Amino acid sequence: MLEMTGWTTSPPAPNKPISGHLPGGFVTEEENNWLVATLPPGMLVDNAFAVPVAEGCGGTFSSLVDPMVDAKLGGLPSKAGRNTAILDIGVLDLSGVEFVVLSEE
């Protein structure tokens, strides 16, 4: 289970703390009778999680596929403090959502 954060992590060694940042508030503007809403970029991080071995990959062939997946991903399982996940959130444009249409006054 990942616990992504926009703050600074406190991972076990050998990982060192890393920092994310939360997206800012929505930015809205009117454009051709549409309310254009965007969510500015942000970055969520986690580097304090363990990764278990693969389980059930390949269905009935999982006894063959699981070890190949483990090897391909760098030798699973992997203890906490040896893994990093970064979710880079780009600008989210919500202008195509119909319910944000401005009513004509």
Protein backbone atom coordinates (compact mmCIF):
# COMPACT_ATOMS: atom_id res chain seq x y z
CA MET A 1 0.00 0.00 0.00
CA LEU A 2 1.47 3.33 -1.06
CA GLU A 3 1.02 6.36 1.17
CA MET A 4 1.67 9.12 -1.33
CA THR A 5 2.26 12.56 0.18
CA GLY A 6 2.88 16.10 -0.96
CA TRP A 7 5.14 16.65 2.05
CA THR A 8 8.59 15.30 3.02
CA THR A 9 8.91 11.54 3.61
CA SER A 10 10.59 9.76 6.53
CA PRO A 11 11.83 6.53 4.94
CA PRO A 12 13.95 3.81 6.50
CA ALA A 13 17.60 3.63 5.39
CA PRO A 14 19.14 3.50 2.86
CA ASN A 15 16.54 5.85 1.29
CA LYS A 16 16.80 9.52 2.17
CA PRO A 17 13.82 11.87 2.62
CA ILE A 18 12.29 13.30 -0.54
CA SER A 19 9.65 16.01 -0.88
CA GLY A 20 6.57 16.36 -3.01
CA HIS A 21 4.26 19.33 -3.35
CA LEU A 22 0.52 19.50 -3.37
CA PRO A 23 -1.31 21.01 -6.34
CA GLY A 24 -2.47 24.56 -5.80
CA GLY A 25 -6.13 25.51 -5.80
CA PHE A 26 -8.31 25.46 -8.87
CA VAL A 27 -7.82 28.29 -11.33
CA THR A 28 -10.98 29.30 -13.16
CA GLU A 29 -11.69 31.72 -15.97
CA GLU A 30 -14.53 32.32 -18.40
CA GLU A 31 -13.91 31.51 -22.05
CA ASN A 32 -16.68 31.56 -24.70
CA ASN A 33 -19.44 31.01 -22.11
CA TRP A 34 -17.48 28.10 -20.59
CA LEU A 35 -15.97 28.05 -17.17
CA VAL A 36 -12.42 26.82 -17.76
CA ALA A 37 -11.09 25.17 -14.60
CA THR A 38 -7.55 23.89 -14.22
CA LEU A 39 -5.72 22.30 -11.32
CA PRO A 40 -2.07 23.44 -11.20
CA PRO A 41 0.66 20.77 -11.13
CA GLY A 42 1.81 18.91 -8.05
CA MET A 43 3.96 15.92 -7.12
CA LEU A 44 3.14 13.12 -4.69
CA VAL A 45 5.93 10.89 -3.35
CA ASP A 46 6.52 7.78 -1.24
CA ASN A 47 9.81 6.00 -0.55
CA ALA A 48 9.02 4.09 2.64
CA PHE A 49 7.16 1.07 1.24
CA ALA A 50 8.05 -2.58 0.74
CA VAL A 51 7.31 -4.48 -2.48
CA PRO A 52 6.20 -8.12 -2.13
CA VAL A 53 6.86 -10.91 -4.60
CA ALA A 54 4.62 -11.24 -7.64
CA GLU A 55 1.64 -13.46 -7.06
CA GLY A 56 -0.82 -14.83 -9.61
CA CYS A 57 0.73 -13.34 -12.76
CA GLY A 58 -0.05 -15.50 -15.78
CA GLY A 59 -3.03 -17.32 -14.28
CA THR A 60 -2.43 -21.07 -14.47
CA PHE A 61 1.18 -20.37 -15.49
CA SER A 62 1.89 -18.21 -12.44
CA SER A 63 4.43 -20.71 -11.09
CA LEU A 64 6.52 -19.89 -14.19
CA VAL A 65 5.61 -16.24 -14.71
CA ASP A 66 5.84 -14.97 -11.10
CA PRO A 67 9.60 -15.66 -10.74
CA MET A 68 10.25 -13.97 -14.11
CA VAL A 69 8.34 -10.87 -12.98
CA ASP A 70 10.26 -10.83 -9.68
CA ALA A 71 13.60 -11.03 -11.52
CA LYS A 72 12.64 -8.43 -14.15
CA LEU A 73 11.65 -5.92 -11.46
CA GLY A 74 15.01 -6.12 -9.74
CA GLY A 75 14.61 -9.07 -7.45
CA LEU A 76 11.43 -9.05 -5.41
CA PRO A 77 10.65 -8.92 -2.57
CA SER A 78 12.19 -5.54 -1.86
CA LYS A 79 12.34 -4.20 1.71
CA ALA A 80 11.03 -0.79 2.76
CA GLY A 81 13.63 1.93 2.21
CA ARG A 82 14.75 0.54 -1.14
CA ASN A 83 11.84 1.71 -3.32
CA THR A 84 10.59 5.05 -4.60
CA ALA A 85 7.31 6.11 -6.19
CA ILE A 86 6.79 9.59 -7.65
CA LEU A 87 3.48 10.71 -9.14
CA ASP A 88 4.01 13.88 -11.14
CA ILE A 89 0.63 15.55 -11.54
CA GLY A 90 0.52 17.77 -14.60
CA VAL A 91 -2.01 20.52 -15.20
CA LEU A 92 -5.49 19.00 -15.12
CA ASP A 93 -7.82 20.76 -17.56
CA LEU A 94 -11.47 20.40 -16.61
CA SER A 95 -12.84 22.69 -19.32
CA GLY A 96 -14.56 19.87 -21.23
CA VAL A 97 -16.82 18.92 -18.34
CA GLU A 98 -20.39 19.87 -19.28
CA PHE A 99 -21.55 20.82 -15.80
CA VAL A 100 -19.18 23.81 -15.69
CA VAL A 101 -21.02 25.68 -18.45
CA LEU A 102 -21.85 29.19 -17.32
CA SER A 103 -25.51 30.09 -17.37
CA GLU A 104 -26.36 32.97 -19.66
CA GLU A 105 -27.44 36.02 -17.75
